[in-house]
Amino acid sequence: MRKNSKKAIFEIFQTLFEAHIKISQIIDRKGVSAAADLLSDCCDAAHQVADFIEDSEGSGHTTAVLLREYCNVISDISAKSSGDRHGNAIKSMLDKPLNKAFSSAESDIVVTLEVVFCPYKASMWDSLESIWKACVNDKSCDAYVVPLPYYNRKPDYSFGDMHYEGDLLPDHVPVIHYDEYDFEERRPDIVFIHNPYDDGNFVTSIDPEFYSGELKKHTDLLVYVPYFLFPKQPEEHLINNPVLDNADCIIVQNEPTRAAYIKALDKRDKNRQLKEHILVLGSPKTDKIHDICLNGIEIPEQWKIQAKGKIRLFLNTNVSLILNNNDRFIENLSRAFKIFLRRGDVFVIWREHPLTFETLNSMRPGLLEAYNKLRSIFLRSGLGVLDANAEAYQAISFSDCYFGAGGSLTPIYAATGKPMMVTAYKYPDNISPVSAPLNSLLKQVDRSMYFSERYANFLDLFLDNLELLNGFKDKRFEFLSQITVNCDGTVGQKIMEQVKALLPEKRS
């Protein structure tokens, strides 16, 4: 039962106890028969509460049974209207069964928290999924998934087409359409979101009805869980967002990220109490990798056929490359494809950022034609596949190594322990193994989990030495532990436990 419902039941109990005092006073002045109407009202109220409890908690619930026994006592008192009975005696007769029912309500009616998860992009569901799983397995919680609609931005910043991706979430996730969940009426105890931008995103916008300030009005605890992982230091534009004015709790991956949020909050005049509820618990994204490493994931048969005998390379492109490199992004990506074609031993699983086309349309429309042409060349060449799945985990699991952009996917991939090469695609066409000696490659192993073009032209050398690089998993895991905490599959559980512990503060 929801806590508000239990609170309402206790208020009715209080009203009944107060009615007993009034009944006692009436009886002392006029006799039992004069209190008949008020006794009848008490009985009707008790029956209604008993019916409500049985509807919520099941037929024959102890509290409901005791309330009906209380009504039987009222009936006996009403039936015996004659005789010399004082008000206090009648009050004691009424109080005794009602106290039993009250005690039962306290102990036998279990309060359940209503917890709502509000993704908007299905590809970002992994930032909430393990929390949702922990909530589903928590008997004190009822979990609901309410995906939010969003709009693409036009170049003039106005709203374009509306999208809804509730049907793209995994089949095992029950979804409630946003039109069927009334936040104002249901007032959930906790709401989890992963979109911090409200009106501040130049590429997309969730429906303004569901901006963080609106959701804040209808919940005790608004919790923001970033959909990304910072591979290095937090970027200002990913932290300083409207959600800081409205969230009651923020989940962060490490202490430097927490410090960055506190610094941003110090510049604001409101919601400074949020600083106490910035919890360093890691990212649910690493829970997903941990689960896949333990249990595996189904891989498309066509991938297995095309990749047979080849190096399986995860290629990641993100919107930062598009925005920061502009037209060079197309040229540099084309050069990488030429290297793969020259080698002939690489199966590329190309993972585009889910907002690639929205970004091109709204912020770099001049690149759209060239980008579509490059995509077509990639597909016709037989180099590999475009991974259009809502989540990247099939590609992460199936691949042997990572090549491409930095960003939030790098620490997620690092959790696999596989070799990685992070690059901005600035490679010349004639890269060969002799362009960088092997000891230069190994020096980078000692420095970080990834390699970059600024040290040497490593691409061919990287691909030729994957077996050697696989032996340095411990160094990659050590580097990962500095990026995000709790990489042992426990993030979602820990978030649920600590967020629930904040609720009493909200009730006081």
Protein backbone atom coordinates (compact mmCIF):
# COMPACT_ATOMS: atom_id res chain seq x y z
CA MET A 1 0.00 0.00 0.00
CA ARG A 2 1.17 3.50 -0.77
CA LYS A 3 2.26 5.55 2.22
CA ASN A 4 -0.34 8.24 1.49
CA SER A 5 -3.10 5.61 1.63
CA LYS A 6 -1.83 4.24 4.92
CA LYS A 7 -1.62 7.78 6.27
CA ALA A 8 -5.26 8.35 5.25
CA ILE A 9 -6.28 5.15 7.06
CA PHE A 10 -4.60 6.34 10.25
CA GLU A 11 -6.42 9.66 9.93
CA ILE A 12 -9.72 7.75 9.83
CA PHE A 13 -8.66 5.77 12.88
CA GLN A 14 -8.01 9.06 14.66
CA THR A 15 -11.43 10.34 13.64
CA LEU A 16 -13.06 7.17 15.01
CA PHE A 17 -11.28 7.51 18.36
CA GLU A 18 -12.43 11.12 18.56
CA ALA A 19 -15.98 9.97 17.72
CA HIS A 20 -15.83 7.55 20.67
CA ILE A 21 -15.29 10.51 23.01
CA LYS A 22 -18.28 12.31 21.52
CA ILE A 23 -20.40 9.14 21.75
CA SER A 24 -19.45 8.80 25.42
CA GLN A 25 -20.55 12.37 26.08
CA ILE A 26 -23.89 11.90 24.29
CA ILE A 27 -24.61 8.67 26.17
CA ASP A 28 -23.97 10.31 29.53
CA ARG A 29 -26.48 13.04 28.67
CA LYS A 30 -29.15 11.26 26.66
CA GLY A 31 -28.47 7.50 26.63
CA VAL A 32 -27.28 4.99 24.07
CA SER A 33 -30.17 5.44 21.66
CA ALA A 34 -29.30 9.12 21.22
CA ALA A 35 -25.86 8.12 19.89
CA ALA A 36 -27.22 5.66 17.31
CA ASP A 37 -26.51 7.81 14.24
CA LEU A 38 -22.92 8.46 15.26
CA LEU A 39 -22.39 4.77 16.06
CA SER A 40 -23.77 3.91 12.62
CA ASP A 41 -21.40 6.41 10.98
CA CYS A 42 -18.43 4.79 12.79
CA CYS A 43 -19.50 1.38 11.56
CA ASP A 44 -19.90 2.59 7.96
CA ALA A 45 -16.46 4.21 8.04
CA ALA A 46 -14.86 1.05 9.45
CA HIS A 47 -16.47 -1.11 6.76
CA GLN A 48 -15.24 1.24 4.02
CA VAL A 49 -11.70 1.14 5.39
CA ALA A 50 -11.87 -2.66 5.66
CA ASP A 51 -13.04 -2.91 2.04
CA PHE A 52 -10.23 -0.60 0.89
CA ILE A 53 -7.62 -2.63 2.77
CA GLU A 54 -8.85 -5.90 1.27
CA ASP A 55 -8.85 -4.39 -2.22
CA SER A 56 -5.25 -3.30 -1.68
CA GLU A 57 -3.79 -6.07 0.47
CA GLY A 58 -6.03 -9.05 -0.26
CA SER A 59 -9.18 -10.63 1.10
CA GLY A 60 -9.14 -11.59 4.76
CA HIS A 61 -6.36 -9.19 5.72
CA THR A 62 -5.95 -9.13 9.51
CA THR A 63 -6.65 -5.42 9.86
CA ALA A 64 -9.85 -5.71 7.81
CA VAL A 65 -11.04 -8.66 9.92
CA LEU A 66 -10.45 -6.71 13.13
CA LEU A 67 -12.30 -3.69 11.77
CA ARG A 68 -15.32 -5.87 11.01
CA GLU A 69 -15.14 -7.26 14.55
CA TYR A 70 -15.20 -3.63 15.72
CA CYS A 71 -18.41 -3.16 13.70
CA ASN A 72 -19.91 -6.21 15.42
CA VAL A 73 -19.24 -4.57 18.79
CA ILE A 74 -21.01 -1.41 17.55
CA SER A 75 -23.99 -3.53 16.49
CA ASP A 76 -24.15 -5.17 19.93
CA ILE A 77 -24.03 -1.78 21.65
CA SER A 78 -26.75 -0.38 19.39
CA ALA A 79 -28.96 -3.43 19.92
CA LYS A 80 -28.80 -3.07 23.70
CA SER A 81 -29.94 0.51 23.94
CA SER A 82 -31.60 0.12 27.37
CA GLY A 83 -29.86 -0.30 30.68
CA ASP A 84 -27.75 1.78 32.93
CA ARG A 85 -24.48 2.10 31.00
CA HIS A 86 -22.15 5.03 31.39
CA GLY A 87 -20.37 6.70 28.51
CA ASN A 88 -16.90 5.69 29.67
CA ALA A 89 -17.91 2.05 29.70
CA ILE A 90 -19.20 2.29 26.13
CA LYS A 91 -16.06 4.14 25.08
CA SER A 92 -13.90 1.34 26.52
CA MET A 93 -16.00 -1.24 24.66
CA LEU A 94 -15.39 0.68 21.41
CA ASP A 95 -11.74 1.52 21.98
CA LYS A 96 -10.66 -2.06 22.68
CA PRO A 97 -11.40 -3.60 19.23
CA LEU A 98 -10.39 -0.41 17.41
CA ASN A 99 -7.02 -0.40 19.17
CA LYS A 100 -6.45 -3.97 18.00
CA ALA A 101 -7.25 -2.94 14.44
CA PHE A 102 -5.00 0.11 14.75
CA SER A 103 -2.07 -1.99 16.00
CA SER A 104 -2.61 -4.42 13.15
CA ALA A 105 -2.64 -1.57 10.63
CA GLU A 106 0.70 -0.37 11.98
CA SER A 107 2.40 -3.75 11.74
CA ASP A 108 0.50 -5.71 9.08
CA ILE A 109 -0.02 -3.11 6.36
CA VAL A 110 3.30 -2.84 4.53
CA VAL A 111 4.01 0.47 2.85
CA THR A 112 5.27 0.10 -0.70
CA LEU A 113 7.11 2.87 -2.49
CA GLU A 114 6.01 3.82 -5.98
CA VAL A 115 9.17 4.27 -8.04
CA VAL A 116 9.04 5.54 -11.62
CA PHE A 117 11.82 5.30 -14.21
CA CYS A 118 11.65 7.84 -17.04
CA PRO A 119 13.99 7.07 -19.96
CA TYR A 120 13.55 8.89 -23.23
CA LYS A 121 16.12 7.29 -25.59
CA ALA A 122 15.96 3.49 -25.56
CA SER A 123 19.71 3.42 -26.20
CA MET A 124 20.22 5.13 -22.83
CA TRP A 125 18.09 2.69 -20.84
CA ASP A 126 21.28 1.02 -19.56
CA SER A 127 21.83 4.05 -17.30
CA LEU A 128 18.69 3.05 -15.36
CA GLU A 129 18.26 -0.67 -16.00
CA SER A 130 20.13 -2.19 -13.05
CA ILE A 131 18.43 0.25 -10.66
CA TRP A 132 15.08 -0.83 -12.09
CA LYS A 133 16.02 -4.50 -11.61
CA ALA A 134 16.95 -3.84 -7.98
CA CYS A 135 13.64 -2.04 -7.51
CA VAL A 136 11.64 -4.89 -9.07
CA ASN A 137 13.30 -7.34 -6.66
CA ASP A 138 12.59 -5.11 -3.65
CA LYS A 139 9.32 -6.14 -1.96
CA SER A 140 8.94 -2.66 -0.49
CA CYS A 141 8.76 -1.08 -3.97
CA ASP A 142 6.46 -1.03 -6.97
CA ALA A 143 8.45 -0.18 -10.11
CA TYR A 144 7.01 1.55 -13.18
CA VAL A 145 8.74 2.42 -16.45
CA VAL A 146 7.26 5.48 -18.16
CA PRO A 147 9.30 6.42 -21.27
CA LEU A 148 9.05 10.11 -22.13
CA PRO A 149 8.36 11.57 -25.59
CA TYR A 150 10.94 13.88 -27.13
CA TYR A 151 11.36 16.21 -30.06
CA ASN A 152 14.17 16.75 -32.53
CA ARG A 153 15.34 20.34 -32.77
CA LYS A 154 15.23 22.18 -36.08
CA PRO A 155 18.17 24.45 -37.04
CA ASP A 156 16.17 27.42 -35.66
CA TYR A 157 15.87 25.59 -32.31
CA SER A 158 12.11 25.02 -32.69
CA PHE A 159 10.57 21.59 -32.15
CA GLY A 160 10.55 19.18 -35.06
CA ASP A 161 9.09 15.68 -35.11
CA MET A 162 8.05 14.01 -31.87
CA HIS A 163 9.44 10.57 -31.03
CA TYR A 164 8.49 7.91 -28.52
CA GLU A 165 10.77 4.90 -27.94
CA GLY A 166 8.82 2.92 -25.37
CA ASP A 167 8.40 0.12 -27.91
CA LEU A 168 12.18 -0.09 -28.36
CA LEU A 169 12.96 -1.03 -24.76
CA PRO A 170 13.79 -4.70 -24.06
CA ASP A 171 10.82 -7.06 -24.18
CA HIS A 172 11.21 -7.98 -20.50
CA VAL A 173 10.64 -4.37 -19.42
CA PRO A 174 6.92 -3.61 -18.90
CA VAL A 175 6.17 -0.11 -20.12
CA ILE A 176 3.37 2.32 -19.24
CA HIS A 177 2.55 4.94 -21.86
CA TYR A 178 3.06 8.48 -20.59
CA ASP A 179 -0.59 9.30 -21.35
CA GLU A 180 -1.67 6.56 -18.95
CA TYR A 181 0.43 7.61 -15.97
CA ASP A 182 -0.76 10.73 -14.15
CA PHE A 183 2.19 12.03 -12.13
CA GLU A 184 0.07 14.65 -10.38
CA GLU A 185 -2.58 12.17 -9.25
CA ARG A 186 -0.28 9.28 -8.32
CA ARG A 187 2.54 11.34 -6.86
CA PRO A 188 5.27 8.65 -6.95
CA ASP A 189 7.69 8.48 -4.06
CA ILE A 190 10.78 8.39 -6.28
CA VAL A 191 11.33 9.36 -9.93
CA PHE A 192 14.55 8.45 -11.76
CA ILE A 193 15.57 10.45 -14.85
CA HIS A 194 18.63 10.43 -17.10
CA ASN A 195 18.03 13.61 -19.12
CA PRO A 196 19.43 16.72 -17.37
CA TYR A 197 18.85 19.30 -20.10
CA ASP A 198 15.17 20.32 -20.08
CA ASP A 199 15.13 23.21 -22.59
CA GLY A 200 18.93 23.44 -22.79
CA ASN A 201 19.68 20.82 -25.45
CA PHE A 202 20.30 22.11 -28.99
CA VAL A 203 19.66 18.68 -30.56
CA THR A 204 16.61 17.23 -28.81
CA SER A 205 14.13 18.13 -26.09
CA ILE A 206 11.85 15.94 -24.06
CA ASP A 207 8.27 17.17 -23.96
CA PRO A 208 8.19 20.26 -21.69
CA GLU A 209 5.45 18.58 -19.64
CA PHE A 210 8.17 16.29 -18.31
CA TYR A 211 11.01 18.75 -17.69
CA SER A 212 12.70 18.17 -14.36
CA GLY A 213 10.97 21.17 -12.80
CA GLU A 214 7.57 19.69 -13.66
CA LEU A 215 8.38 16.21 -12.38
CA LYS A 216 9.78 17.74 -9.21
CA LYS A 217 6.29 19.05 -8.36
CA HIS A 218 4.86 15.54 -8.19
CA THR A 219 7.39 13.41 -6.32
CA ASP A 220 9.13 13.27 -2.97
CA LEU A 221 12.50 12.45 -4.54
CA LEU A 222 13.71 13.32 -8.04
CA VAL A 223 16.91 11.38 -8.77
CA TYR A 224 19.16 12.18 -11.72
CA VAL A 225 21.41 9.40 -13.04
CA PRO A 226 23.67 10.57 -15.93
CA TYR A 227 23.27 8.62 -19.17
CA PHE A 228 27.00 8.97 -19.80
CA LEU A 229 30.30 8.15 -18.12
CA PHE A 230 33.10 10.71 -18.14
CA PRO A 231 36.26 9.04 -19.46
CA LYS A 232 38.41 11.83 -17.99
CA GLN A 233 37.48 15.06 -16.24
CA PRO A 234 33.81 16.12 -16.36
CA GLU A 235 32.89 18.55 -19.11
CA GLU A 236 31.16 21.74 -18.02
CA HIS A 237 28.30 21.49 -20.53
CA LEU A 238 27.39 18.04 -19.23
CA ILE A 239 27.20 19.21 -15.62
CA ASN A 240 25.86 22.75 -15.52
CA ASN A 241 22.26 21.99 -16.55
CA PRO A 242 18.70 22.75 -15.37
CA VAL A 243 18.48 19.48 -13.46
CA LEU A 244 20.73 21.06 -10.79
CA ASP A 245 17.87 23.37 -9.84
CA ASN A 246 15.36 20.56 -9.41
CA ALA A 247 16.99 17.23 -8.49
CA ASP A 248 16.89 15.94 -4.92
CA CYS A 249 19.73 13.50 -5.56
CA ILE A 250 22.42 12.99 -8.21
CA ILE A 251 24.37 9.77 -8.77
CA VAL A 252 28.00 10.28 -9.83
CA GLN A 253 30.82 7.98 -10.85
CA ASN A 254 33.71 9.26 -8.72
CA GLU A 255 34.85 11.97 -6.32
CA PRO A 256 36.19 14.39 -8.99
CA THR A 257 32.78 14.33 -10.67
CA ARG A 258 31.10 15.02 -7.34
CA ALA A 259 33.45 17.97 -6.82
CA ALA A 260 32.55 19.31 -10.27
CA TYR A 261 28.84 19.20 -9.45
CA ILE A 262 29.42 20.92 -6.11
CA LYS A 263 31.40 23.65 -7.85
CA ALA A 264 28.52 24.17 -10.29
CA LEU A 265 26.01 24.30 -7.42
CA ASP A 266 28.09 26.86 -5.55
CA LYS A 267 27.51 29.26 -8.43
CA ARG A 268 23.74 28.97 -8.09
CA ASP A 269 21.43 30.68 -5.65
CA LYS A 270 19.03 27.76 -5.18
CA ASN A 271 19.00 24.07 -4.40
CA ARG A 272 22.35 24.17 -2.61
CA GLN A 273 21.10 21.45 -0.23
CA LEU A 274 21.52 19.08 -3.18
CA LYS A 275 25.25 19.02 -2.39
CA GLU A 276 24.54 16.67 0.54
CA HIS A 277 22.83 14.21 -1.78
CA ILE A 278 25.40 13.84 -4.55
CA LEU A 279 26.20 10.17 -4.10
CA VAL A 280 29.41 8.59 -5.43
CA LEU A 281 28.08 5.15 -6.41
CA GLY A 282 29.28 4.58 -9.98
CA SER A 283 27.24 3.96 -13.12
CA PRO A 284 24.60 1.29 -13.82
CA LYS A 285 26.24 0.95 -17.23
CA THR A 286 29.07 -1.07 -15.69
CA ASP A 287 26.48 -3.39 -14.13
CA LYS A 288 25.32 -4.24 -17.63
CA ILE A 289 28.83 -5.15 -18.75
CA HIS A 290 29.36 -7.19 -15.60
CA ASP A 291 26.16 -9.13 -16.32
CA ILE A 292 27.12 -9.77 -19.95
CA CYS A 293 30.59 -10.99 -18.98
CA LEU A 294 28.97 -13.47 -16.60
CA ASN A 295 25.96 -14.59 -18.63
CA GLY A 296 26.74 -13.69 -22.24
CA ILE A 297 24.36 -12.16 -24.77
CA GLU A 298 22.75 -13.41 -27.97
CA ILE A 299 24.70 -12.44 -31.11
CA PRO A 300 23.10 -12.15 -34.58
CA GLU A 301 24.00 -15.14 -36.74
CA GLN A 302 24.76 -12.90 -39.72
CA TRP A 303 27.47 -11.15 -37.68
CA LYS A 304 29.08 -14.50 -36.90
CA ILE A 305 29.07 -15.51 -40.56
CA GLN A 306 30.52 -12.22 -41.85
CA ALA A 307 33.14 -12.00 -39.10
CA LYS A 308 34.48 -15.53 -39.43
CA GLY A 309 38.29 -15.51 -39.41
CA LYS A 310 38.53 -11.73 -39.00
CA ILE A 311 39.38 -9.24 -36.27
CA ARG A 312 36.06 -8.04 -34.87
CA LEU A 313 36.42 -4.30 -34.31
CA PHE A 314 33.95 -2.09 -32.46
CA LEU A 315 33.94 1.31 -34.19
CA ASN A 316 32.47 4.19 -32.19
CA THR A 317 31.65 7.61 -33.60
CA ASN A 318 30.07 10.28 -31.44
CA VAL A 319 28.61 13.77 -31.81
CA SER A 320 31.67 15.48 -30.33
CA LEU A 321 33.70 14.38 -33.36
CA ILE A 322 31.09 15.90 -35.64
CA LEU A 323 30.92 19.18 -33.76
CA ASN A 324 34.63 19.59 -33.06
CA ASN A 325 36.09 18.37 -36.35
CA ASN A 326 33.39 19.65 -38.69
CA ASP A 327 34.21 18.64 -42.30
CA ARG A 328 37.42 16.86 -41.19
CA PHE A 329 35.22 14.30 -39.47
CA ILE A 330 34.14 12.90 -42.85
CA GLU A 331 37.68 12.93 -44.25
CA ASN A 332 39.25 11.25 -41.24
CA LEU A 333 36.59 8.57 -40.98
CA SER A 334 37.02 7.85 -44.69
CA ARG A 335 40.77 7.36 -44.13
CA ALA A 336 40.09 4.83 -41.38
CA PHE A 337 37.79 2.89 -43.73
CA LYS A 338 40.54 2.80 -46.38
CA ILE A 339 42.91 1.27 -43.83
CA PHE A 340 40.40 -1.45 -43.01
CA LEU A 341 39.84 -2.13 -46.72
CA ARG A 342 43.58 -2.37 -47.38
CA ARG A 343 44.01 -4.91 -44.59
CA GLY A 344 41.03 -7.07 -45.51
CA ASP A 345 41.09 -8.85 -42.14
CA VAL A 346 38.79 -6.58 -40.12
CA PHE A 347 35.05 -6.96 -39.52
CA VAL A 348 33.78 -3.54 -38.41
CA ILE A 349 30.75 -3.15 -36.16
CA TRP A 350 30.04 0.55 -36.57
CA ARG A 351 28.14 2.10 -33.67
CA GLU A 352 26.87 5.59 -34.45
CA HIS A 353 25.87 7.85 -31.59
CA PRO A 354 22.05 7.68 -31.22
CA LEU A 355 21.79 11.42 -31.83
CA THR A 356 24.04 11.49 -34.92
CA PHE A 357 21.35 12.47 -37.44
CA GLU A 358 19.63 14.85 -35.03
CA THR A 359 23.00 16.59 -34.52
CA LEU A 360 23.73 16.77 -38.24
CA ASN A 361 20.27 18.10 -39.04
CA SER A 362 20.20 20.76 -36.36
CA MET A 363 23.86 21.83 -36.06
CA ARG A 364 25.85 20.59 -39.11
CA PRO A 365 23.34 20.28 -41.98
CA GLY A 366 26.11 20.87 -44.53
CA LEU A 367 27.69 17.53 -43.60
CA LEU A 368 24.56 15.42 -43.93
CA GLU A 369 24.92 14.55 -47.63
CA ALA A 370 28.61 13.59 -47.29
CA TYR A 371 27.88 11.53 -44.19
CA ASN A 372 25.08 9.59 -45.89
CA LYS A 373 27.38 8.93 -48.85
CA LEU A 374 30.11 7.58 -46.55
CA ARG A 375 27.58 5.32 -44.82
CA SER A 376 26.51 3.93 -48.18
CA ILE A 377 30.13 3.25 -49.18
CA PHE A 378 30.71 1.45 -45.88
CA LEU A 379 27.71 -0.82 -46.36
CA ARG A 380 28.46 -1.57 -50.04
CA SER A 381 32.10 -2.33 -49.33
CA GLY A 382 31.28 -5.27 -47.08
CA LEU A 383 33.53 -3.91 -44.33
CA GLY A 384 30.99 -4.78 -41.66
CA VAL A 385 27.63 -3.79 -40.22
CA LEU A 386 25.95 -0.70 -38.85
CA ASP A 387 24.76 -1.59 -35.38
CA ALA A 388 21.33 0.02 -35.08
CA ASN A 389 20.32 -1.83 -31.91
CA ALA A 390 18.97 0.34 -29.11
CA GLU A 391 21.90 -0.72 -26.92
CA ALA A 392 25.55 -1.34 -27.79
CA TYR A 393 26.07 -4.48 -25.74
CA GLN A 394 25.89 -7.07 -28.52
CA ALA A 395 28.63 -5.19 -30.36
CA ILE A 396 30.67 -4.74 -27.17
CA SER A 397 30.43 -8.44 -26.31
CA PHE A 398 31.14 -9.76 -29.83
CA SER A 399 34.06 -7.49 -30.70
CA ASP A 400 37.75 -8.19 -30.04
CA CYS A 401 38.81 -4.57 -29.64
CA TYR A 402 37.67 -0.96 -29.67
CA PHE A 403 38.60 1.79 -32.11
CA GLY A 404 37.16 5.27 -32.34
CA ALA A 405 35.93 8.23 -30.38
CA GLY A 406 36.34 8.88 -26.72
CA GLY A 407 33.34 9.72 -24.60
CA SER A 408 31.01 7.73 -22.42
CA LEU A 409 31.41 4.44 -24.28
CA THR A 410 35.13 4.18 -23.51
CA PRO A 411 34.83 3.38 -19.78
CA ILE A 412 31.93 1.04 -20.54
CA TYR A 413 34.03 -0.85 -23.06
CA ALA A 414 37.02 -0.75 -20.72
CA ALA A 415 35.01 -2.83 -18.25
CA THR A 416 35.43 -5.78 -20.66
CA GLY A 417 39.23 -5.62 -20.34
CA LYS A 418 39.65 -5.79 -24.14
CA PRO A 419 42.27 -3.70 -26.02
CA MET A 420 41.20 -0.18 -26.95
CA MET A 421 42.43 2.56 -29.24
CA VAL A 422 40.83 5.97 -28.80
CA THR A 423 41.42 8.33 -31.71
CA ALA A 424 40.19 11.37 -33.57
CA TYR A 425 40.74 9.61 -36.94
CA LYS A 426 43.68 11.76 -38.08
CA TYR A 427 45.50 8.93 -39.86
CA PRO A 428 47.26 9.24 -43.21
CA ASP A 429 46.37 6.76 -45.93
CA ASN A 430 49.67 4.88 -45.84
CA ILE A 431 49.82 3.71 -42.23
CA SER A 432 51.97 0.62 -41.86
CA PRO A 433 53.45 -1.32 -38.92
CA VAL A 434 56.84 0.28 -39.44
CA SER A 435 55.48 3.75 -38.71
CA ALA A 436 55.80 3.08 -34.96
CA PRO A 437 58.08 0.53 -33.30
CA LEU A 438 56.53 -2.03 -30.98
CA ASN A 439 58.20 -0.61 -27.88
CA SER A 440 56.40 2.71 -28.50
CA LEU A 441 53.12 0.83 -28.45
CA LEU A 442 54.00 -0.94 -25.22
CA LYS A 443 55.00 2.31 -23.53
CA GLN A 444 51.43 3.48 -23.93
CA VAL A 445 50.19 0.35 -22.15
CA ASP A 446 51.93 1.62 -19.04
CA ARG A 447 50.22 4.99 -19.28
CA SER A 448 46.54 4.30 -19.80
CA MET A 449 43.91 1.96 -21.13
CA TYR A 450 43.99 3.42 -24.63
CA PHE A 451 46.24 4.76 -27.38
CA SER A 452 46.04 7.98 -29.31
CA GLU A 453 47.33 9.21 -32.66
CA ARG A 454 49.27 12.00 -30.99
CA TYR A 455 51.94 9.50 -29.88
CA ALA A 456 52.42 7.62 -33.15
CA ASN A 457 50.55 6.03 -36.02
CA PHE A 458 49.42 2.95 -34.16
CA LEU A 459 46.42 1.58 -36.03
CA ASP A 460 48.06 -1.25 -37.96
CA LEU A 461 50.41 -1.98 -35.10
CA PHE A 462 47.49 -2.06 -32.70
CA LEU A 463 45.56 -4.55 -34.83
CA ASP A 464 48.62 -6.72 -35.41
CA ASN A 465 49.33 -7.09 -31.69
CA LEU A 466 45.92 -7.65 -30.09
CA GLU A 467 46.98 -10.94 -28.54
CA LEU A 468 49.93 -9.24 -26.84
CA LEU A 469 47.77 -6.35 -25.66
CA ASN A 470 45.22 -8.74 -24.18
CA GLY A 471 47.83 -9.55 -21.57
CA PHE A 472 47.52 -6.08 -20.06
CA LYS A 473 43.94 -6.34 -18.80
CA ASP A 474 44.95 -5.60 -15.21
CA LYS A 475 46.32 -2.22 -16.21
CA ARG A 476 43.09 -1.36 -18.02
CA PHE A 477 41.01 -2.41 -15.02
CA GLU A 478 43.24 -0.33 -12.76
CA PHE A 479 42.68 2.67 -14.99
CA LEU A 480 38.93 2.00 -15.04
CA SER A 481 38.76 1.93 -11.24
CA GLN A 482 39.99 5.53 -11.25
CA ILE A 483 37.17 6.52 -13.61
CA THR A 484 34.21 4.95 -11.85
CA VAL A 485 33.58 3.09 -8.59
CA ASN A 486 31.74 -0.19 -7.92
CA CYS A 487 32.56 -1.99 -11.17
CA ASP A 488 31.49 -5.28 -9.59
CA GLY A 489 27.86 -5.30 -10.72
CA THR A 490 26.43 -3.73 -7.54
CA VAL A 491 25.74 -0.15 -8.61
CA GLY A 492 21.99 -0.50 -9.15
CA GLN A 493 21.46 -2.22 -5.80
CA LYS A 494 23.51 0.37 -3.95
CA ILE A 495 21.65 3.24 -5.60
CA MET A 496 18.26 1.83 -4.56
CA GLU A 497 19.40 1.28 -0.97
CA GLN A 498 20.85 4.75 -0.51
CA VAL A 499 18.10 6.61 -2.35
CA LYS A 500 15.41 4.91 -0.23
CA ALA A 501 17.33 6.01 2.87
CA LEU A 502 16.84 9.63 1.81
CA LEU A 503 13.04 9.39 1.87
CA PRO A 504 12.56 9.87 5.65
CA GLU A 505 14.35 13.20 5.31
CA LYS A 506 11.85 14.17 2.67
CA ARG A 507 8.89 13.17 4.82
CA SER A 508 10.00 15.10 7.89
